[in-house]
Amino acid sequence: MTATLVYDDDCGFCTWWADYLADHSDIRVVGFADLTPELCEKIPDEYENCSHFVTDDGVYSCGASIEEAFTRTEIGRPVRPLTKFLRNFEDYERLRERSYRRIADNRSFWGRLLSKTPPARRNSDDER
């Protein structure tokens, strides 16, 4: 299976990040609206709470999903060994997840800085 980021495709900030990760890696991105039954089986039932990164080795959710996806880009690849080391520490994981949640809970603010028209909105504009 190709490494896949599952994200909220109704969010401009999330779409910007998903497109950035896809443009700078071989990651496939799939929005919540385009989930396949196969992907639904792999991610948590409450999948809409955060993003998920699905690989052959497992599923990373929330902060871990963005961290794992970012370290597979050409820019993030050099920090991959460091993140693998830091994952041994609960304090790091708490900080990563708290940071993710803080950003996710304030997507409307961050979307004013980094945003892209979500696919769901692009498709609805095409139908008009």
Protein backbone atom coordinates (compact mmCIF):
# COMPACT_ATOMS: atom_id res chain seq x y z
CA MET A 1 0.00 0.00 0.00
CA THR A 2 1.18 3.49 -0.82
CA ALA A 3 1.63 5.62 2.29
CA THR A 4 -1.61 7.60 2.54
CA LEU A 5 -2.56 10.73 4.45
CA VAL A 6 -6.26 10.88 5.31
CA TYR A 7 -7.35 14.43 6.08
CA ASP A 8 -10.30 16.81 6.45
CA ASP A 9 -10.87 17.84 2.85
CA ASP A 10 -13.42 20.46 3.87
CA CYS A 11 -10.71 22.55 5.56
CA GLY A 12 -8.60 25.02 3.57
CA PHE A 13 -5.68 24.85 6.01
CA CYS A 14 -5.75 21.04 5.99
CA THR A 15 -5.94 21.02 2.19
CA TRP A 16 -2.89 23.30 1.96
CA TRP A 17 -0.88 20.90 4.13
CA ALA A 18 -2.12 17.79 2.32
CA ASP A 19 -1.19 19.28 -1.05
CA TYR A 20 2.18 20.40 0.29
CA LEU A 21 2.97 16.91 1.57
CA ALA A 22 1.82 15.30 -1.68
CA ASP A 23 3.85 17.74 -3.79
CA HIS A 24 7.03 17.06 -1.81
CA SER A 25 6.85 13.29 -1.42
CA ASP A 26 5.29 10.14 -2.86
CA ILE A 27 2.49 10.27 -0.29
CA ARG A 28 -1.04 9.78 -1.55
CA VAL A 29 -3.63 12.09 0.03
CA VAL A 30 -7.27 11.14 0.49
CA GLY A 31 -9.90 13.43 1.94
CA PHE A 32 -12.58 12.25 4.31
CA ALA A 33 -15.12 12.59 1.48
CA ASP A 34 -13.20 10.11 -0.70
CA LEU A 35 -12.50 7.38 1.84
CA THR A 36 -12.61 3.87 0.44
CA PRO A 37 -13.98 0.94 2.46
CA GLU A 38 -10.41 -0.40 2.67
CA LEU A 39 -9.13 2.81 4.26
CA CYS A 40 -12.14 3.05 6.59
CA GLU A 41 -11.24 -0.37 7.98
CA LYS A 42 -7.73 0.81 8.83
CA ILE A 43 -8.42 4.13 10.55
CA PRO A 44 -10.21 4.71 13.88
CA ASP A 45 -14.01 4.84 13.94
CA GLU A 46 -13.84 8.44 15.14
CA TYR A 47 -11.57 9.32 12.21
CA GLU A 48 -12.94 12.84 11.76
CA ASN A 49 -11.24 14.00 14.98
CA CYS A 50 -7.87 14.35 13.22
CA SER A 51 -5.71 13.30 10.29
CA HIS A 52 -4.33 9.79 9.85
CA PHE A 53 -1.31 8.39 8.05
CA VAL A 54 -1.71 4.82 6.83
CA THR A 55 1.27 2.64 5.90
CA ASP A 56 1.94 -1.06 5.57
CA ASP A 57 3.41 -0.88 9.08
CA GLY A 58 0.40 0.71 10.76
CA VAL A 59 -1.68 3.81 11.27
CA TYR A 60 -0.48 7.06 12.78
CA SER A 61 -3.13 9.48 14.01
CA CYS A 62 -3.27 13.17 14.89
CA GLY A 63 0.16 14.67 15.60
CA ALA A 64 1.93 11.43 14.80
CA SER A 65 0.29 11.41 11.35
CA ILE A 66 1.65 14.82 10.38
CA GLU A 67 5.04 14.06 11.88
CA GLU A 68 5.31 10.76 9.97
CA ALA A 69 4.13 12.33 6.71
CA PHE A 70 6.43 15.35 7.05
CA THR A 71 9.50 13.19 7.68
CA ARG A 72 8.84 11.50 4.34
CA THR A 73 9.21 14.77 2.42
CA GLU A 74 12.58 15.92 1.08
CA ILE A 75 12.58 18.76 3.60
CA GLY A 76 11.64 16.59 6.59
CA ARG A 77 13.68 13.50 5.73
CA PRO A 78 16.85 14.73 7.53
CA VAL A 79 14.97 14.96 10.87
CA ARG A 80 13.52 11.44 10.59
CA PRO A 81 16.23 9.85 12.80
CA LEU A 82 15.67 12.55 15.43
CA THR A 83 11.90 12.02 15.51
CA LYS A 84 12.39 8.25 15.80
CA PHE A 85 14.61 8.89 18.82
CA LEU A 86 12.23 11.41 20.38
CA ARG A 87 9.31 8.99 20.12
CA ASN A 88 10.94 7.05 22.97
CA PHE A 89 9.92 9.82 25.37
CA GLU A 90 6.37 10.33 26.63
CA ASP A 91 7.00 14.04 27.17
CA TYR A 92 7.79 14.45 23.47
CA GLU A 93 4.65 12.58 22.44
CA ARG A 94 2.53 14.71 24.79
CA LEU A 95 4.06 17.90 23.40
CA ARG A 96 3.58 16.75 19.79
CA GLU A 97 -0.08 15.84 20.36
CA ARG A 98 -0.84 18.95 22.39
CA SER A 99 0.71 21.09 19.64
CA TYR A 100 -1.28 19.27 16.96
CA ARG A 101 -4.53 19.73 18.88
CA ARG A 102 -3.84 23.41 19.47
CA ILE A 103 -3.27 24.02 15.78
CA ALA A 104 -6.21 21.82 14.72
CA ASP A 105 -8.56 23.60 17.10
CA ASN A 106 -7.53 26.95 15.59
CA ARG A 107 -7.61 26.02 11.90
CA SER A 108 -9.67 29.08 11.00
CA PHE A 109 -6.87 31.34 12.28
CA TRP A 110 -4.09 29.35 10.56
CA GLY A 111 -6.21 29.16 7.42
CA ARG A 112 -5.89 32.93 7.06
CA LEU A 113 -2.13 32.40 6.67
CA LEU A 114 -2.02 29.11 4.72
CA SER A 115 -5.06 27.93 2.84
CA LYS A 116 -6.17 26.31 -0.38
CA THR A 117 -9.67 25.80 -1.71
CA PRO A 118 -10.76 22.39 -0.40
CA PRO A 119 -11.59 19.76 -3.05
CA ALA A 120 -15.20 19.56 -1.86
CA ARG A 121 -15.66 23.27 -2.52
CA ARG A 122 -13.79 23.11 -5.85
CA ASN A 123 -16.16 20.36 -7.02
CA SER A 124 -19.28 22.23 -5.91
CA ASP A 125 -18.07 25.38 -7.72
CA ASP A 126 -17.63 23.31 -10.91
CA GLU A 127 -21.27 22.17 -10.75
CA ARG A 128 -22.62 25.70 -10.81
